[in-house]
Amino acid sequence: MSSISSSWDGTITSTQFHNAASTFSEIWNNFDLGFPHWSWINCPKKPGFAATKLQGYLSLENMILHRTTEVQKDSKERHHYDFHVIYSSSFRVPVLYFRAYCSDGEPLAIEDLEKDFPAYTAQELAVSKWTFITREEHPYLNRPWYTLHPCGTSEWMKLLFSNEPSVVSQGGVAIEKYLTSWFSVVSPVFGFKIPLKFSTFMNSTPSKSGNVATVI
């Protein structure tokens, strides 16, 4: 089978995103990973858009990121994170939106986030703070959330799959494995990784018929 690196552009459709999100959350929630569950949040139709089950996002909330620093020594200092994965129709890739807050609900400023993040993320923020992480309106909640800018996502997704020929099936990229690969790059930004047993299971799961990103 030929390489997909020169033919697939690393993007997926909104339907493929919904399929990937459904599979990812179902399998994640069946594992005892010690993390909150992911769930698909259906959203009401927006003006000018037809009603569809695809309108919504993948949500994991109230995750506590533990740090071995003087911060967060007790429950009052714990920092909670809500993560929403939303499909971008402009970039045609998943985009991570997140917010962080103390146990009393007080939101964290970007300076507080820097103290939570691993050293390499903090270094990236120091160089390109508002291009790496931006603050913009949540597409469905209409409130300001932080987001990891999706510029370049399709390129590194394409690269990830070009190095994993086993995930290519029926002339395309297995959609069930798309979000796992995407999370493998995104989650370390916050200092946590996709559990090995989950990744191993996803990579060994045969693709369902039709759930492939077409190689063109």
N, C-alpha and C. Protein backbone atom coordinates (compact mmCIF):
# COMPACT_ATOMS: atom_id res chain seq x y z
N MET A 1 0.85 -1.19 0.00
CA MET A 1 0.00 0.00 0.00
C MET A 1 0.88 1.24 0.00
N SER A 2 0.57 2.22 -0.85
CA SER A 2 1.39 3.41 -0.96
C SER A 2 1.18 4.33 0.22
N SER A 3 2.15 5.24 0.42
CA SER A 3 2.08 6.17 1.53
C SER A 3 0.94 7.16 1.33
N ILE A 4 0.32 7.58 2.45
CA ILE A 4 -0.77 8.55 2.34
C ILE A 4 -0.26 9.97 2.47
N SER A 5 1.04 10.15 2.72
CA SER A 5 1.57 11.47 3.03
C SER A 5 1.40 12.47 1.91
N SER A 6 1.33 12.01 0.65
CA SER A 6 1.23 12.93 -0.46
C SER A 6 -0.19 13.05 -1.00
N SER A 7 -1.15 12.34 -0.38
CA SER A 7 -2.49 12.33 -0.94
C SER A 7 -3.59 12.76 0.02
N TRP A 8 -3.42 12.51 1.31
CA TRP A 8 -4.43 12.92 2.29
C TRP A 8 -3.96 14.17 2.99
N ASP A 9 -4.85 15.15 3.16
CA ASP A 9 -4.43 16.46 3.68
C ASP A 9 -4.55 16.59 5.19
N GLY A 10 -4.92 15.52 5.90
CA GLY A 10 -4.97 15.56 7.36
C GLY A 10 -6.26 16.09 7.94
N THR A 11 -7.25 16.40 7.10
CA THR A 11 -8.52 16.93 7.59
C THR A 11 -9.61 15.86 7.57
N ILE A 12 -10.72 16.15 8.26
CA ILE A 12 -11.88 15.25 8.26
C ILE A 12 -13.14 16.10 8.12
N THR A 13 -14.25 15.45 7.78
CA THR A 13 -15.53 16.15 7.67
C THR A 13 -16.21 16.21 9.03
N SER A 14 -17.28 17.00 9.13
CA SER A 14 -18.02 17.09 10.39
C SER A 14 -18.67 15.75 10.75
N THR A 15 -19.12 15.03 9.73
CA THR A 15 -19.70 13.71 9.97
C THR A 15 -18.65 12.74 10.50
N GLN A 16 -17.47 12.78 9.92
CA GLN A 16 -16.38 11.92 10.38
C GLN A 16 -15.95 12.30 11.80
N PHE A 17 -15.96 13.58 12.10
CA PHE A 17 -15.64 14.01 13.46
C PHE A 17 -16.65 13.45 14.46
N HIS A 18 -17.93 13.53 14.11
CA HIS A 18 -18.97 13.00 15.00
C HIS A 18 -18.79 11.51 15.22
N ASN A 19 -18.49 10.77 14.14
CA ASN A 19 -18.26 9.33 14.26
C ASN A 19 -17.05 9.03 15.13
N ALA A 20 -15.97 9.79 14.91
CA ALA A 20 -14.75 9.60 15.70
C ALA A 20 -15.00 9.90 17.17
N ALA A 21 -15.74 10.99 17.44
CA ALA A 21 -16.04 11.39 18.82
C ALA A 21 -16.89 10.34 19.52
N SER A 22 -17.86 9.79 18.81
CA SER A 22 -18.75 8.78 19.40
C SER A 22 -17.96 7.53 19.79
N THR A 23 -17.10 7.08 18.87
CA THR A 23 -16.29 5.89 19.14
C THR A 23 -15.31 6.14 20.27
N PHE A 24 -14.63 7.29 20.22
CA PHE A 24 -13.63 7.62 21.23
C PHE A 24 -14.25 7.66 22.62
N SER A 25 -15.36 8.37 22.76
CA SER A 25 -15.97 8.53 24.09
C SER A 25 -16.54 7.20 24.60
N GLU A 26 -17.12 6.40 23.70
CA GLU A 26 -17.69 5.12 24.12
C GLU A 26 -16.61 4.19 24.67
N ILE A 27 -15.51 4.08 23.95
CA ILE A 27 -14.44 3.19 24.39
C ILE A 27 -13.73 3.75 25.62
N TRP A 28 -13.48 5.07 25.65
CA TRP A 28 -12.84 5.72 26.80
C TRP A 28 -13.64 5.43 28.07
N ASN A 29 -14.94 5.59 27.99
CA ASN A 29 -15.80 5.45 29.17
C ASN A 29 -15.94 4.01 29.63
N ASN A 30 -15.63 3.05 28.76
CA ASN A 30 -15.67 1.64 29.14
C ASN A 30 -14.41 1.19 29.87
N PHE A 31 -13.37 2.03 29.79
CA PHE A 31 -12.13 1.73 30.50
C PHE A 31 -12.15 2.41 31.87
N ASP A 32 -11.50 1.76 32.84
CA ASP A 32 -11.35 2.38 34.16
C ASP A 32 -10.02 3.12 34.16
N LEU A 33 -10.04 4.35 33.64
CA LEU A 33 -8.80 5.10 33.44
C LEU A 33 -8.49 6.09 34.57
N GLY A 34 -9.44 6.26 35.47
CA GLY A 34 -9.22 7.19 36.56
C GLY A 34 -9.43 8.64 36.17
N PHE A 35 -10.04 8.88 35.00
CA PHE A 35 -10.33 10.24 34.54
C PHE A 35 -11.84 10.41 34.43
N PRO A 36 -12.32 11.65 34.40
CA PRO A 36 -13.75 11.87 34.12
C PRO A 36 -14.12 11.30 32.75
N HIS A 37 -15.41 11.09 32.53
CA HIS A 37 -15.88 10.55 31.26
C HIS A 37 -16.02 11.65 30.21
N TRP A 38 -15.84 11.25 28.96
CA TRP A 38 -16.16 12.11 27.83
C TRP A 38 -17.62 11.90 27.46
N SER A 39 -18.27 12.94 27.02
CA SER A 39 -19.66 12.82 26.58
C SER A 39 -19.91 13.76 25.40
N TRP A 40 -20.83 13.37 24.53
CA TRP A 40 -21.20 14.21 23.40
C TRP A 40 -22.35 15.11 23.84
N ILE A 41 -22.16 16.42 23.68
CA ILE A 41 -23.17 17.40 24.07
C ILE A 41 -23.89 17.89 22.81
N ASN A 42 -25.16 17.55 22.70
CA ASN A 42 -25.95 18.06 21.58
C ASN A 42 -26.31 19.52 21.81
N CYS A 43 -26.26 20.29 20.76
CA CYS A 43 -26.55 21.72 20.88
C CYS A 43 -27.72 22.10 19.99
N PRO A 44 -28.52 23.08 20.42
CA PRO A 44 -29.64 23.52 19.58
C PRO A 44 -29.13 24.16 18.30
N LYS A 45 -29.97 24.14 17.29
CA LYS A 45 -29.55 24.69 16.02
C LYS A 45 -29.34 26.20 16.14
N LYS A 46 -28.36 26.69 15.39
CA LYS A 46 -28.07 28.11 15.37
C LYS A 46 -28.83 28.76 14.23
N PRO A 47 -29.13 30.06 14.34
CA PRO A 47 -29.80 30.75 13.25
C PRO A 47 -29.00 30.62 11.95
N GLY A 48 -29.68 30.25 10.90
CA GLY A 48 -29.01 30.13 9.62
C GLY A 48 -28.45 28.74 9.36
N PHE A 49 -28.55 27.84 10.33
CA PHE A 49 -28.04 26.48 10.18
C PHE A 49 -29.19 25.48 10.33
N ALA A 50 -29.17 24.44 9.52
CA ALA A 50 -30.18 23.40 9.62
C ALA A 50 -29.95 22.56 10.87
N ALA A 51 -31.02 22.10 11.48
CA ALA A 51 -30.89 21.24 12.67
C ALA A 51 -30.26 19.91 12.27
N THR A 52 -29.28 19.46 13.04
CA THR A 52 -28.60 18.20 12.75
C THR A 52 -27.99 17.65 14.02
N LYS A 53 -27.90 16.33 14.12
CA LYS A 53 -27.31 15.69 15.29
C LYS A 53 -25.82 15.98 15.38
N LEU A 54 -25.24 16.50 14.28
CA LEU A 54 -23.81 16.77 14.27
C LEU A 54 -23.47 18.05 15.01
N GLN A 55 -24.48 18.86 15.34
CA GLN A 55 -24.21 20.10 16.05
C GLN A 55 -23.99 19.80 17.52
N GLY A 56 -22.77 19.93 17.95
CA GLY A 56 -22.42 19.65 19.33
C GLY A 56 -20.93 19.49 19.48
N TYR A 57 -20.52 18.98 20.63
CA TYR A 57 -19.09 18.86 20.88
C TYR A 57 -18.83 17.76 21.90
N LEU A 58 -17.59 17.34 21.95
CA LEU A 58 -17.13 16.33 22.90
C LEU A 58 -16.67 17.05 24.17
N SER A 59 -17.13 16.57 25.31
CA SER A 59 -16.88 17.30 26.56
C SER A 59 -16.34 16.39 27.66
N LEU A 60 -15.30 16.87 28.33
CA LEU A 60 -14.80 16.25 29.57
C LEU A 60 -14.60 17.39 30.55
N GLU A 61 -15.23 17.28 31.72
CA GLU A 61 -15.19 18.40 32.65
C GLU A 61 -14.73 17.97 34.04
N ASN A 62 -14.27 18.97 34.77
CA ASN A 62 -13.84 18.81 36.17
C ASN A 62 -12.64 17.87 36.31
N MET A 63 -11.70 17.99 35.39
CA MET A 63 -10.45 17.25 35.55
C MET A 63 -9.49 18.06 36.39
N ILE A 64 -8.89 17.42 37.37
CA ILE A 64 -7.90 18.08 38.22
C ILE A 64 -6.51 17.65 37.75
N LEU A 65 -5.73 18.62 37.34
CA LEU A 65 -4.36 18.33 36.90
C LEU A 65 -3.43 18.50 38.08
N HIS A 66 -2.84 17.41 38.53
CA HIS A 66 -1.99 17.44 39.71
C HIS A 66 -0.59 17.93 39.36
N ARG A 67 -0.06 18.78 40.19
CA ARG A 67 1.27 19.33 39.99
C ARG A 67 2.12 19.10 41.23
N THR A 68 3.40 18.81 41.05
CA THR A 68 4.32 18.62 42.19
C THR A 68 5.03 19.93 42.49
N THR A 69 4.21 20.96 42.77
CA THR A 69 4.75 22.27 43.11
C THR A 69 4.12 22.73 44.41
N GLU A 70 4.48 23.92 44.86
CA GLU A 70 3.91 24.43 46.09
C GLU A 70 2.46 24.87 45.88
N VAL A 71 2.08 25.03 44.65
CA VAL A 71 0.69 25.38 44.36
C VAL A 71 -0.17 24.16 44.58
N GLN A 72 -1.46 24.37 44.88
CA GLN A 72 -2.47 23.31 44.99
C GLN A 72 -2.17 22.31 46.11
N LYS A 73 -1.70 22.80 47.27
CA LYS A 73 -1.40 21.89 48.38
C LYS A 73 -2.67 21.34 49.02
N ASP A 74 -3.76 22.07 48.92
CA ASP A 74 -5.01 21.59 49.49
C ASP A 74 -6.13 21.76 48.48
N SER A 75 -7.31 21.31 48.86
CA SER A 75 -8.43 21.31 47.92
C SER A 75 -8.81 22.71 47.47
N LYS A 76 -8.58 23.71 48.32
CA LYS A 76 -8.92 25.08 47.95
C LYS A 76 -8.04 25.59 46.81
N GLU A 77 -6.85 25.03 46.67
CA GLU A 77 -5.91 25.48 45.65
C GLU A 77 -5.92 24.59 44.41
N ARG A 78 -6.76 23.58 44.38
CA ARG A 78 -6.81 22.70 43.21
C ARG A 78 -7.36 23.46 42.00
N HIS A 79 -6.78 23.18 40.88
CA HIS A 79 -7.23 23.80 39.64
C HIS A 79 -7.98 22.78 38.80
N HIS A 80 -9.19 23.14 38.43
CA HIS A 80 -10.07 22.26 37.68
C HIS A 80 -10.08 22.71 36.21
N TYR A 81 -10.14 21.73 35.32
CA TYR A 81 -10.15 22.02 33.88
C TYR A 81 -11.35 21.38 33.21
N ASP A 82 -11.99 22.15 32.34
CA ASP A 82 -13.04 21.63 31.46
C ASP A 82 -12.50 21.66 30.04
N PHE A 83 -12.64 20.54 29.33
CA PHE A 83 -12.15 20.44 27.96
C PHE A 83 -13.32 20.15 27.01
N HIS A 84 -13.41 20.93 25.95
CA HIS A 84 -14.40 20.71 24.90
C HIS A 84 -13.68 20.58 23.57
N VAL A 85 -13.99 19.53 22.83
CA VAL A 85 -13.41 19.33 21.51
C VAL A 85 -14.48 19.65 20.48
N ILE A 86 -14.22 20.66 19.67
CA ILE A 86 -15.21 21.18 18.73
C ILE A 86 -14.66 21.12 17.31
N TYR A 87 -15.51 20.74 16.37
CA TYR A 87 -15.07 20.67 14.98
C TYR A 87 -15.03 22.07 14.38
N SER A 88 -13.92 22.39 13.74
CA SER A 88 -13.78 23.67 13.05
C SER A 88 -14.09 23.48 11.57
N SER A 89 -15.16 24.13 11.09
CA SER A 89 -15.50 24.01 9.68
C SER A 89 -14.52 24.77 8.80
N SER A 90 -13.79 25.72 9.39
CA SER A 90 -12.80 26.48 8.63
C SER A 90 -11.52 25.67 8.40
N PHE A 91 -11.01 25.06 9.48
CA PHE A 91 -9.79 24.27 9.38
C PHE A 91 -10.06 22.80 9.08
N ARG A 92 -11.30 22.35 9.30
CA ARG A 92 -11.73 20.97 9.07
C ARG A 92 -10.95 19.98 9.94
N VAL A 93 -10.72 20.38 11.18
CA VAL A 93 -10.03 19.55 12.17
C VAL A 93 -10.67 19.80 13.53
N PRO A 94 -10.42 18.92 14.51
CA PRO A 94 -10.88 19.17 15.88
C PRO A 94 -10.09 20.34 16.49
N VAL A 95 -10.75 21.09 17.35
CA VAL A 95 -10.10 22.18 18.07
C VAL A 95 -10.41 22.03 19.56
N LEU A 96 -9.40 22.15 20.40
CA LEU A 96 -9.61 22.02 21.84
C LEU A 96 -9.88 23.39 22.46
N TYR A 97 -11.05 23.51 23.09
CA TYR A 97 -11.38 24.67 23.91
C TYR A 97 -11.30 24.23 25.36
N PHE A 98 -10.82 25.12 26.23
CA PHE A 98 -10.74 24.75 27.63
C PHE A 98 -10.88 25.97 28.53
N ARG A 99 -11.28 25.71 29.75
CA ARG A 99 -11.29 26.74 30.78
C ARG A 99 -10.75 26.12 32.05
N ALA A 100 -10.18 26.95 32.90
CA ALA A 100 -9.59 26.47 34.16
C ALA A 100 -10.06 27.38 35.29
N TYR A 101 -10.25 26.77 36.45
CA TYR A 101 -10.80 27.54 37.56
C TYR A 101 -10.41 26.89 38.88
N CYS A 102 -10.46 27.69 39.93
CA CYS A 102 -10.20 27.18 41.28
C CYS A 102 -11.45 26.47 41.81
N SER A 103 -11.30 25.84 42.96
CA SER A 103 -12.43 25.10 43.53
C SER A 103 -13.60 26.00 43.87
N ASP A 104 -13.34 27.30 44.08
CA ASP A 104 -14.43 28.23 44.38
C ASP A 104 -15.05 28.82 43.11
N GLY A 105 -14.59 28.35 41.93
CA GLY A 105 -15.16 28.82 40.68
C GLY A 105 -14.44 30.00 40.06
N GLU A 106 -13.46 30.54 40.76
CA GLU A 106 -12.71 31.69 40.23
C GLU A 106 -11.88 31.25 39.03
N PRO A 107 -12.08 31.90 37.86
CA PRO A 107 -11.32 31.49 36.67
C PRO A 107 -9.84 31.82 36.78
N LEU A 108 -9.02 31.03 36.13
CA LEU A 108 -7.58 31.25 36.13
C LEU A 108 -7.17 32.16 34.99
N ALA A 109 -6.27 33.09 35.28
CA ALA A 109 -5.70 33.94 34.24
C ALA A 109 -4.60 33.17 33.53
N ILE A 110 -4.16 33.68 32.40
CA ILE A 110 -3.14 33.00 31.61
C ILE A 110 -1.86 32.81 32.43
N GLU A 111 -1.55 33.75 33.32
CA GLU A 111 -0.36 33.64 34.16
C GLU A 111 -0.47 32.46 35.12
N ASP A 112 -1.68 32.18 35.59
CA ASP A 112 -1.90 31.03 36.48
C ASP A 112 -1.79 29.72 35.70
N LEU A 113 -2.25 29.75 34.46
CA LEU A 113 -2.15 28.55 33.62
C LEU A 113 -0.69 28.17 33.40
N GLU A 114 0.14 29.17 33.20
CA GLU A 114 1.57 28.92 32.96
C GLU A 114 2.20 28.15 34.12
N LYS A 115 1.73 28.39 35.33
CA LYS A 115 2.27 27.69 36.49
C LYS A 115 1.82 26.23 36.52
N ASP A 116 0.67 25.95 35.91
CA ASP A 116 0.15 24.58 35.86
C ASP A 116 0.81 23.75 34.77
N PHE A 117 1.16 24.41 33.67
CA PHE A 117 1.64 23.68 32.51
C PHE A 117 3.04 23.12 32.70
N PRO A 118 3.36 22.04 31.98
CA PRO A 118 4.73 21.51 31.99
C PRO A 118 5.71 22.55 31.46
N ALA A 119 6.98 22.33 31.73
CA ALA A 119 8.01 23.31 31.36
C ALA A 119 8.02 23.61 29.87
N TYR A 120 7.90 22.57 29.03
CA TYR A 120 7.99 22.81 27.59
C TYR A 120 6.79 23.61 27.07
N THR A 121 5.61 23.45 27.69
CA THR A 121 4.45 24.25 27.31
C THR A 121 4.64 25.69 27.74
N ALA A 122 5.16 25.90 28.94
CA ALA A 122 5.42 27.25 29.43
C ALA A 122 6.43 27.97 28.55
N GLN A 123 7.43 27.23 28.06
CA GLN A 123 8.42 27.83 27.18
C GLN A 123 7.79 28.26 25.86
N GLU A 124 6.88 27.44 25.34
CA GLU A 124 6.19 27.78 24.10
C GLU A 124 5.31 29.01 24.29
N LEU A 125 4.67 29.09 25.45
CA LEU A 125 3.85 30.25 25.76
C LEU A 125 4.68 31.53 25.83
N ALA A 126 5.87 31.40 26.38
CA ALA A 126 6.74 32.56 26.51
C ALA A 126 7.14 33.11 25.14
N VAL A 127 7.24 32.23 24.16
CA VAL A 127 7.66 32.64 22.81
C VAL A 127 6.48 33.14 21.99
N SER A 128 5.36 32.43 22.07
CA SER A 128 4.22 32.76 21.20
C SER A 128 2.90 32.60 21.96
N LYS A 129 2.75 33.37 23.02
CA LYS A 129 1.62 33.19 23.93
C LYS A 129 0.26 33.24 23.23
N TRP A 130 0.01 34.26 22.45
CA TRP A 130 -1.33 34.44 21.90
C TRP A 130 -1.49 33.87 20.49
N THR A 131 -0.52 33.11 20.02
CA THR A 131 -0.71 32.35 18.79
C THR A 131 -0.80 30.86 19.11
N PHE A 132 -0.16 30.45 20.18
CA PHE A 132 -0.22 29.05 20.62
C PHE A 132 -1.54 28.79 21.36
N ILE A 133 -1.84 29.64 22.33
CA ILE A 133 -3.11 29.60 23.05
C ILE A 133 -3.80 30.94 22.87
N THR A 134 -5.04 30.90 22.42
CA THR A 134 -5.79 32.13 22.23
C THR A 134 -7.02 32.11 23.13
N ARG A 135 -7.65 33.25 23.27
CA ARG A 135 -8.87 33.36 24.05
C ARG A 135 -9.95 33.90 23.13
N GLU A 136 -10.99 33.11 22.93
CA GLU A 136 -12.05 33.52 22.03
C GLU A 136 -13.38 32.97 22.49
N GLU A 137 -14.43 33.39 21.82
CA GLU A 137 -15.77 32.98 22.22
C GLU A 137 -16.02 31.51 21.89
N HIS A 138 -16.52 30.79 22.87
CA HIS A 138 -16.90 29.39 22.66
C HIS A 138 -18.02 29.36 21.62
N PRO A 139 -17.87 28.55 20.55
CA PRO A 139 -18.86 28.56 19.47
C PRO A 139 -20.29 28.25 19.89
N TYR A 140 -20.46 27.49 20.98
CA TYR A 140 -21.81 27.11 21.40
C TYR A 140 -22.25 27.78 22.69
N LEU A 141 -21.32 28.07 23.59
CA LEU A 141 -21.68 28.65 24.88
C LEU A 141 -21.65 30.16 24.89
N ASN A 142 -21.03 30.76 23.85
CA ASN A 142 -20.97 32.22 23.71
C ASN A 142 -20.33 32.90 24.91
N ARG A 143 -19.32 32.23 25.44
CA ARG A 143 -18.52 32.80 26.53
C ARG A 143 -17.05 32.64 26.19
N PRO A 144 -16.18 33.52 26.69
CA PRO A 144 -14.76 33.41 26.35
C PRO A 144 -14.11 32.18 26.99
N TRP A 145 -13.46 31.37 26.17
CA TRP A 145 -12.70 30.21 26.60
C TRP A 145 -11.32 30.29 25.96
N TYR A 146 -10.37 29.60 26.58
CA TYR A 146 -9.07 29.44 25.94
C TYR A 146 -9.16 28.36 24.89
N THR A 147 -8.33 28.44 23.88
CA THR A 147 -8.30 27.41 22.85
C THR A 147 -6.89 27.25 22.32
N LEU A 148 -6.54 26.02 21.94
CA LEU A 148 -5.28 25.77 21.26
C LEU A 148 -5.50 26.06 19.79
N HIS A 149 -4.72 26.97 19.24
CA HIS A 149 -4.94 27.38 17.86
C HIS A 149 -4.75 26.20 16.91
N PRO A 150 -5.72 25.99 15.98
CA PRO A 150 -5.67 24.81 15.11
C PRO A 150 -4.73 24.94 13.91
N CYS A 151 -4.10 26.09 13.75
CA CYS A 151 -3.19 26.26 12.62
C CYS A 151 -2.08 25.20 12.69
N GLY A 152 -1.92 24.45 11.62
CA GLY A 152 -0.89 23.42 11.58
C GLY A 152 -1.38 22.04 11.98
N THR A 153 -2.62 21.94 12.50
CA THR A 153 -3.14 20.64 12.94
C THR A 153 -3.19 19.62 11.81
N SER A 154 -3.70 20.03 10.66
CA SER A 154 -3.83 19.08 9.55
C SER A 154 -2.47 18.56 9.11
N GLU A 155 -1.44 19.43 9.19
CA GLU A 155 -0.11 19.00 8.77
C GLU A 155 0.46 17.93 9.69
N TRP A 156 0.32 18.13 11.03
CA TRP A 156 0.90 17.10 11.89
C TRP A 156 0.02 15.86 12.00
N MET A 157 -1.29 16.00 11.71
CA MET A 157 -2.11 14.79 11.63
C MET A 157 -1.71 13.96 10.42
N LYS A 158 -1.48 14.63 9.33
CA LYS A 158 -1.03 13.95 8.11
C LYS A 158 0.29 13.23 8.37
N LEU A 159 1.19 13.89 9.09
CA LEU A 159 2.48 13.29 9.40
C LEU A 159 2.32 12.08 10.31
N LEU A 160 1.46 12.19 11.32
CA LEU A 160 1.24 11.07 12.23
C LEU A 160 0.75 9.83 11.50
N PHE A 161 -0.20 10.01 10.60
CA PHE A 161 -0.75 8.86 9.90
C PHE A 161 0.17 8.34 8.81
N SER A 162 1.03 9.18 8.27
CA SER A 162 1.97 8.70 7.27
C SER A 162 2.98 7.75 7.90
N ASN A 163 3.20 7.87 9.21
CA ASN A 163 4.11 6.99 9.93
C ASN A 163 3.41 5.78 10.52
N GLU A 164 2.09 5.68 10.31
CA GLU A 164 1.30 4.57 10.84
C GLU A 164 0.53 3.91 9.71
N PRO A 165 1.21 3.21 8.80
CA PRO A 165 0.51 2.62 7.66
C PRO A 165 -0.55 1.61 8.04
N SER A 166 -0.47 1.06 9.24
CA SER A 166 -1.45 0.05 9.64
C SER A 166 -2.83 0.63 9.84
N VAL A 167 -2.94 1.96 9.99
CA VAL A 167 -4.26 2.55 10.22
C VAL A 167 -4.92 2.94 8.91
N VAL A 168 -4.28 2.69 7.80
CA VAL A 168 -4.89 2.99 6.51
C VAL A 168 -5.72 1.80 6.05
N SER A 169 -6.98 2.03 5.77
CA SER A 169 -7.85 0.92 5.34
C SER A 169 -8.80 1.41 4.26
N GLN A 170 -9.10 0.55 3.34
CA GLN A 170 -10.07 0.83 2.29
C GLN A 170 -9.78 2.14 1.59
N GLY A 171 -8.50 2.46 1.40
CA GLY A 171 -8.15 3.68 0.69
C GLY A 171 -8.25 4.93 1.51
N GLY A 172 -8.36 4.81 2.84
CA GLY A 172 -8.49 6.00 3.67
C GLY A 172 -7.93 5.78 5.05
N VAL A 173 -8.02 6.81 5.89
CA VAL A 173 -7.53 6.76 7.26
C VAL A 173 -8.66 6.35 8.20
N ALA A 174 -8.42 5.37 9.05
CA ALA A 174 -9.46 4.88 9.96
C ALA A 174 -9.89 5.97 10.93
N ILE A 175 -11.14 6.40 10.80
CA ILE A 175 -11.65 7.51 11.60
C ILE A 175 -11.64 7.21 13.09
N GLU A 176 -11.89 5.94 13.46
CA GLU A 176 -11.91 5.60 14.88
C GLU A 176 -10.60 5.93 15.57
N LYS A 177 -9.52 5.96 14.82
CA LYS A 177 -8.20 6.19 15.39
C LYS A 177 -7.76 7.65 15.28
N TYR A 178 -8.54 8.47 14.60
CA TYR A 178 -8.14 9.86 14.36
C TYR A 178 -8.00 10.66 15.66
N LEU A 179 -9.03 10.60 16.51
CA LEU A 179 -8.99 11.40 17.73
C LEU A 179 -7.94 10.91 18.72
N THR A 180 -7.69 9.60 18.74
CA THR A 180 -6.64 9.08 19.61
C THR A 180 -5.29 9.66 19.22
N SER A 181 -5.02 9.70 17.93
CA SER A 181 -3.76 10.28 17.45
C SER A 181 -3.71 11.78 17.74
N TRP A 182 -4.84 12.44 17.54
CA TRP A 182 -4.92 13.89 17.81
C TRP A 182 -4.66 14.18 19.29
N PHE A 183 -5.29 13.40 20.18
CA PHE A 183 -5.08 13.59 21.61
C PHE A 183 -3.64 13.29 22.03
N SER A 184 -2.99 12.38 21.33
CA SER A 184 -1.61 12.03 21.69
C SER A 184 -0.68 13.21 21.55
N VAL A 185 -1.07 14.19 20.74
CA VAL A 185 -0.27 15.42 20.57
C VAL A 185 -0.79 16.53 21.47
N VAL A 186 -2.11 16.63 21.60
CA VAL A 186 -2.72 17.74 22.35
C VAL A 186 -2.60 17.58 23.86
N SER A 187 -2.86 16.37 24.38
CA SER A 187 -2.91 16.19 25.83
C SER A 187 -1.59 16.49 26.56
N PRO A 188 -0.42 16.18 25.98
CA PRO A 188 0.83 16.50 26.70
C PRO A 188 1.03 18.00 26.95
N VAL A 189 0.31 18.84 26.20
CA VAL A 189 0.37 20.28 26.46
C VAL A 189 -0.02 20.57 27.89
N PHE A 190 -0.93 19.76 28.43
CA PHE A 190 -1.42 19.96 29.79
C PHE A 190 -0.76 19.02 30.79
N GLY A 191 0.20 18.24 30.32
CA GLY A 191 0.95 17.38 31.23
C GLY A 191 0.34 16.03 31.49
N PHE A 192 -0.65 15.61 30.70
CA PHE A 192 -1.15 14.25 30.86
C PHE A 192 -1.17 13.56 29.50
N LYS A 193 -1.13 12.25 29.54
CA LYS A 193 -1.06 11.47 28.31
C LYS A 193 -2.22 10.49 28.23
N ILE A 194 -2.56 10.14 26.99
CA ILE A 194 -3.56 9.09 26.79
C ILE A 194 -3.01 7.79 27.37
N PRO A 195 -3.74 7.13 28.28
CA PRO A 195 -3.24 5.88 28.87
C PRO A 195 -2.87 4.85 27.81
N LEU A 196 -1.78 4.15 28.05
CA LEU A 196 -1.24 3.20 27.07
C LEU A 196 -2.25 2.13 26.70
N LYS A 197 -2.96 1.59 27.71
CA LYS A 197 -3.89 0.50 27.42
C LYS A 197 -5.03 0.97 26.52
N PHE A 198 -5.40 2.25 26.64
CA PHE A 198 -6.44 2.78 25.76
C PHE A 198 -5.93 2.93 24.34
N SER A 199 -4.73 3.50 24.18
CA SER A 199 -4.14 3.67 22.85
C SER A 199 -3.92 2.33 22.17
N THR A 200 -3.44 1.36 22.94
CA THR A 200 -3.19 0.03 22.38
C THR A 200 -4.47 -0.60 21.88
N PHE A 201 -5.55 -0.46 22.66
CA PHE A 201 -6.83 -1.02 22.25
C PHE A 201 -7.35 -0.33 20.99
N MET A 202 -7.26 1.00 20.94
CA MET A 202 -7.76 1.73 19.78
C MET A 202 -6.98 1.37 18.52
N ASN A 203 -5.68 1.21 18.65
CA ASN A 203 -4.85 0.91 17.49
C ASN A 203 -5.04 -0.51 16.98
N SER A 204 -5.59 -1.39 17.85
CA SER A 204 -5.81 -2.77 17.45
C SER A 204 -7.24 -3.03 17.01
N THR A 205 -8.10 -2.00 17.12
CA THR A 205 -9.50 -2.16 16.75
C THR A 205 -9.69 -2.02 15.25
N PRO A 206 -10.28 -3.01 14.58
CA PRO A 206 -10.52 -2.91 13.15
C PRO A 206 -11.45 -1.75 12.83
N SER A 207 -11.22 -1.09 11.70
CA SER A 207 -12.07 0.00 11.29
C SER A 207 -13.45 -0.50 10.88
N LYS A 208 -14.48 0.23 11.27
CA LYS A 208 -15.82 -0.11 10.84
C LYS A 208 -15.99 0.31 9.38
N SER A 209 -16.73 -0.45 8.66
CA SER A 209 -16.92 -0.16 7.24
C SER A 209 -17.44 1.24 7.02
N GLY A 210 -16.77 1.99 6.15
CA GLY A 210 -17.22 3.32 5.78
C GLY A 210 -16.63 4.42 6.62
N ASN A 211 -16.10 4.11 7.79
CA ASN A 211 -15.56 5.14 8.66
C ASN A 211 -14.10 5.42 8.34
N VAL A 212 -13.87 5.97 7.16
CA VAL A 212 -12.52 6.29 6.75
C VAL A 212 -12.49 7.68 6.15
N ALA A 213 -11.37 8.36 6.35
CA ALA A 213 -11.15 9.65 5.70
C ALA A 213 -10.57 9.37 4.34
N THR A 214 -11.24 9.81 3.30
CA THR A 214 -10.86 9.44 1.95
C THR A 214 -9.51 10.00 1.56
N VAL A 215 -8.70 9.16 0.97
CA VAL A 215 -7.43 9.58 0.40
C VAL A 215 -7.68 10.02 -1.03
N ILE A 216 -7.37 11.28 -1.31
CA ILE A 216 -7.63 11.80 -2.64
C ILE A 216 -6.36 12.19 -3.36
